[in-house]
Amino acid sequence: MSLGEISKEGCLACPFHGVQFDEHGKCTLIPANGKSAKIPPSFRIKTYRTYEHEGFIWIFWGDQEPTTTPDFFTNVE
């Protein structure tokens, strides 16, 4: 999915198969099955909390909300 693009619906689209996922990881479209095909609830991807800092995208790997936002650049001169 790292090569995916944001669709006009605001979903992350797989560049190979066109499968689309919303910001919660829920699949919203499987093009090979047709636009009206039912999508199984289990067909989803794991999402992680992200934020941008100093030009980098940081990922929080935990399952719960982080209690603090680390600042890795405070001691860098």
N, C-alpha and C. Protein backbone atom coordinates (compact mmCIF):
# COMPACT_ATOMS: atom_id res chain seq x y z
N MET A 1 0.82 -1.20 0.00
CA MET A 1 0.00 0.00 0.00
C MET A 1 0.86 1.26 0.00
N SER A 2 2.15 1.12 0.25
CA SER A 2 3.01 2.30 0.28
C SER A 2 3.09 2.99 -1.08
N LEU A 3 2.76 2.30 -2.14
CA LEU A 3 2.74 2.89 -3.48
C LEU A 3 1.34 3.34 -3.88
N GLY A 4 0.40 3.19 -2.97
CA GLY A 4 -0.99 3.55 -3.25
C GLY A 4 -1.18 5.05 -3.36
N GLU A 5 -2.35 5.43 -3.83
CA GLU A 5 -2.72 6.84 -3.97
C GLU A 5 -4.06 7.07 -3.31
N ILE A 6 -4.34 8.33 -3.01
CA ILE A 6 -5.63 8.70 -2.43
C ILE A 6 -6.64 8.85 -3.58
N SER A 7 -7.74 8.14 -3.48
CA SER A 7 -8.78 8.20 -4.52
C SER A 7 -9.58 9.49 -4.38
N LYS A 8 -10.43 9.77 -5.37
CA LYS A 8 -11.27 10.96 -5.28
C LYS A 8 -12.30 10.84 -4.16
N GLU A 9 -12.51 9.62 -3.67
CA GLU A 9 -13.41 9.42 -2.52
C GLU A 9 -12.68 9.60 -1.19
N GLY A 10 -11.36 9.84 -1.25
CA GLY A 10 -10.58 10.05 -0.03
C GLY A 10 -10.06 8.77 0.59
N CYS A 11 -10.05 7.69 -0.17
CA CYS A 11 -9.59 6.40 0.33
C CYS A 11 -8.22 6.07 -0.24
N LEU A 12 -7.48 5.23 0.47
CA LEU A 12 -6.20 4.74 -0.02
C LEU A 12 -6.47 3.61 -1.00
N ALA A 13 -5.97 3.76 -2.23
CA ALA A 13 -6.23 2.78 -3.28
C ALA A 13 -4.96 2.01 -3.63
N CYS A 14 -5.06 0.70 -3.65
CA CYS A 14 -3.95 -0.17 -4.04
C CYS A 14 -3.61 0.10 -5.51
N PRO A 15 -2.33 0.34 -5.83
CA PRO A 15 -1.98 0.65 -7.21
C PRO A 15 -2.06 -0.57 -8.14
N PHE A 16 -2.13 -1.76 -7.60
CA PHE A 16 -2.14 -2.97 -8.42
C PHE A 16 -3.55 -3.49 -8.70
N HIS A 17 -4.40 -3.52 -7.67
CA HIS A 17 -5.73 -4.12 -7.82
C HIS A 17 -6.86 -3.10 -7.67
N GLY A 18 -6.55 -1.89 -7.23
CA GLY A 18 -7.56 -0.86 -7.09
C GLY A 18 -8.43 -0.98 -5.85
N VAL A 19 -8.12 -1.93 -4.98
CA VAL A 19 -8.88 -2.10 -3.73
C VAL A 19 -8.69 -0.83 -2.90
N GLN A 20 -9.79 -0.33 -2.32
CA GLN A 20 -9.73 0.92 -1.56
C GLN A 20 -10.08 0.71 -0.10
N PHE A 21 -9.38 1.47 0.76
CA PHE A 21 -9.59 1.41 2.21
C PHE A 21 -9.76 2.81 2.75
N ASP A 22 -10.68 2.98 3.71
CA ASP A 22 -10.86 4.30 4.33
C ASP A 22 -9.84 4.51 5.45
N GLU A 23 -9.94 5.65 6.14
CA GLU A 23 -8.95 6.00 7.16
C GLU A 23 -8.98 5.09 8.38
N HIS A 24 -10.01 4.28 8.51
CA HIS A 24 -10.11 3.34 9.63
C HIS A 24 -9.67 1.93 9.25
N GLY A 25 -9.23 1.75 7.99
CA GLY A 25 -8.78 0.46 7.52
C GLY A 25 -9.87 -0.41 6.92
N LYS A 26 -11.10 0.10 6.89
CA LYS A 26 -12.23 -0.65 6.33
C LYS A 26 -12.17 -0.61 4.80
N CYS A 27 -12.33 -1.76 4.18
CA CYS A 27 -12.35 -1.83 2.72
C CYS A 27 -13.66 -1.21 2.22
N THR A 28 -13.55 -0.30 1.26
CA THR A 28 -14.73 0.36 0.70
C THR A 28 -15.02 -0.05 -0.73
N LEU A 29 -14.04 -0.68 -1.40
CA LEU A 29 -14.25 -1.09 -2.79
C LEU A 29 -13.29 -2.20 -3.18
N ILE A 30 -13.84 -3.23 -3.81
CA ILE A 30 -13.04 -4.29 -4.45
C ILE A 30 -13.47 -4.27 -5.92
N PRO A 31 -12.71 -3.56 -6.77
CA PRO A 31 -13.15 -3.38 -8.16
C PRO A 31 -13.46 -4.69 -8.90
N ALA A 32 -12.69 -5.74 -8.65
CA ALA A 32 -12.91 -7.00 -9.35
C ALA A 32 -14.27 -7.62 -9.02
N ASN A 33 -14.85 -7.25 -7.88
CA ASN A 33 -16.15 -7.79 -7.47
C ASN A 33 -17.32 -6.89 -7.89
N GLY A 34 -17.03 -5.68 -8.38
CA GLY A 34 -18.09 -4.75 -8.77
C GLY A 34 -18.40 -3.77 -7.65
N LYS A 35 -18.90 -2.59 -8.04
CA LYS A 35 -19.16 -1.52 -7.06
C LYS A 35 -20.27 -1.86 -6.07
N SER A 36 -21.20 -2.70 -6.45
CA SER A 36 -22.32 -3.01 -5.55
C SER A 36 -22.12 -4.31 -4.76
N ALA A 37 -20.96 -4.96 -4.93
CA ALA A 37 -20.70 -6.22 -4.22
C ALA A 37 -20.54 -5.98 -2.73
N LYS A 38 -21.05 -6.89 -1.93
CA LYS A 38 -20.91 -6.81 -0.48
C LYS A 38 -19.47 -7.14 -0.09
N ILE A 39 -18.92 -6.34 0.83
CA ILE A 39 -17.55 -6.53 1.29
C ILE A 39 -17.59 -7.13 2.69
N PRO A 40 -16.92 -8.25 2.90
CA PRO A 40 -16.92 -8.86 4.24
C PRO A 40 -16.32 -7.91 5.28
N PRO A 41 -16.92 -7.80 6.47
CA PRO A 41 -16.41 -6.91 7.51
C PRO A 41 -14.96 -7.22 7.92
N SER A 42 -14.55 -8.47 7.74
CA SER A 42 -13.19 -8.84 8.13
C SER A 42 -12.14 -8.41 7.10
N PHE A 43 -12.57 -7.93 5.95
CA PHE A 43 -11.65 -7.51 4.91
C PHE A 43 -11.23 -6.07 5.21
N ARG A 44 -10.18 -5.94 6.02
CA ARG A 44 -9.70 -4.63 6.46
C ARG A 44 -8.20 -4.69 6.69
N ILE A 45 -7.59 -3.55 6.84
CA ILE A 45 -6.16 -3.49 7.15
C ILE A 45 -5.98 -2.81 8.50
N LYS A 46 -4.92 -3.17 9.18
CA LYS A 46 -4.61 -2.58 10.49
C LYS A 46 -4.13 -1.15 10.28
N THR A 47 -4.63 -0.24 11.06
CA THR A 47 -4.21 1.16 10.98
C THR A 47 -3.42 1.53 12.23
N TYR A 48 -2.59 2.55 12.10
CA TYR A 48 -1.77 3.03 13.21
C TYR A 48 -1.85 4.54 13.27
N ARG A 49 -1.74 5.06 14.48
CA ARG A 49 -1.72 6.51 14.69
C ARG A 49 -0.43 7.05 14.09
N THR A 50 -0.53 8.11 13.29
CA THR A 50 0.65 8.73 12.69
C THR A 50 0.63 10.23 12.94
N TYR A 51 1.81 10.83 12.87
CA TYR A 51 1.91 12.29 12.92
C TYR A 51 3.20 12.72 12.24
N GLU A 52 3.21 13.95 11.79
CA GLU A 52 4.39 14.49 11.11
C GLU A 52 5.16 15.38 12.07
N HIS A 53 6.50 15.25 12.03
CA HIS A 53 7.36 16.09 12.87
C HIS A 53 8.72 16.19 12.20
N GLU A 54 9.19 17.41 12.02
CA GLU A 54 10.51 17.65 11.42
C GLU A 54 10.66 17.00 10.05
N GLY A 55 9.57 16.97 9.28
CA GLY A 55 9.62 16.43 7.93
C GLY A 55 9.54 14.91 7.84
N PHE A 56 9.31 14.25 8.96
CA PHE A 56 9.17 12.78 8.98
C PHE A 56 7.75 12.41 9.36
N ILE A 57 7.30 11.24 8.91
CA ILE A 57 6.03 10.68 9.34
C ILE A 57 6.35 9.63 10.40
N TRP A 58 5.83 9.84 11.60
CA TRP A 58 6.07 8.93 12.73
C TRP A 58 4.85 8.05 12.93
N ILE A 59 5.09 6.80 13.31
CA ILE A 59 4.02 5.83 13.53
C ILE A 59 4.03 5.39 14.99
N PHE A 60 2.86 5.39 15.61
CA PHE A 60 2.71 4.84 16.95
C PHE A 60 2.18 3.43 16.79
N TRP A 61 2.99 2.41 17.15
CA TRP A 61 2.65 1.01 16.93
C TRP A 61 1.69 0.42 17.96
N GLY A 62 1.41 1.15 19.02
CA GLY A 62 0.58 0.60 20.10
C GLY A 62 -0.87 0.42 19.70
N ASP A 63 -1.58 -0.39 20.46
CA ASP A 63 -2.99 -0.63 20.20
C ASP A 63 -3.89 0.42 20.85
N GLN A 64 -3.36 1.14 21.86
CA GLN A 64 -4.14 2.16 22.53
C GLN A 64 -3.58 3.53 22.18
N GLU A 65 -4.33 4.57 22.50
CA GLU A 65 -3.88 5.93 22.22
C GLU A 65 -2.62 6.25 23.03
N PRO A 66 -1.63 6.93 22.42
CA PRO A 66 -0.43 7.30 23.18
C PRO A 66 -0.78 8.35 24.23
N THR A 67 -0.08 8.29 25.36
CA THR A 67 -0.34 9.25 26.43
C THR A 67 0.46 10.53 26.23
N THR A 68 1.58 10.45 25.51
CA THR A 68 2.39 11.63 25.21
C THR A 68 2.88 11.53 23.78
N THR A 69 3.29 12.66 23.24
CA THR A 69 3.90 12.69 21.91
C THR A 69 5.39 12.89 22.11
N PRO A 70 6.22 11.90 21.77
CA PRO A 70 7.67 12.05 21.98
C PRO A 70 8.24 13.12 21.07
N ASP A 71 9.20 13.86 21.57
CA ASP A 71 9.91 14.86 20.76
C ASP A 71 11.36 14.42 20.70
N PHE A 72 11.71 13.75 19.63
CA PHE A 72 13.05 13.20 19.48
C PHE A 72 14.11 14.25 19.17
N PHE A 73 13.70 15.47 18.91
CA PHE A 73 14.63 16.49 18.45
C PHE A 73 14.94 17.55 19.50
N THR A 74 14.48 17.39 20.73
CA THR A 74 14.71 18.42 21.74
C THR A 74 16.19 18.57 22.11
N ASN A 75 16.93 17.48 22.10
CA ASN A 75 18.33 17.54 22.53
C ASN A 75 19.31 17.65 21.36
N VAL A 76 18.82 17.80 20.15
CA VAL A 76 19.68 17.89 18.97
C VAL A 76 20.09 19.35 18.77
N GLU A 77 21.38 19.57 18.59
CA GLU A 77 21.86 20.94 18.37
C GLU A 77 22.34 21.11 16.97
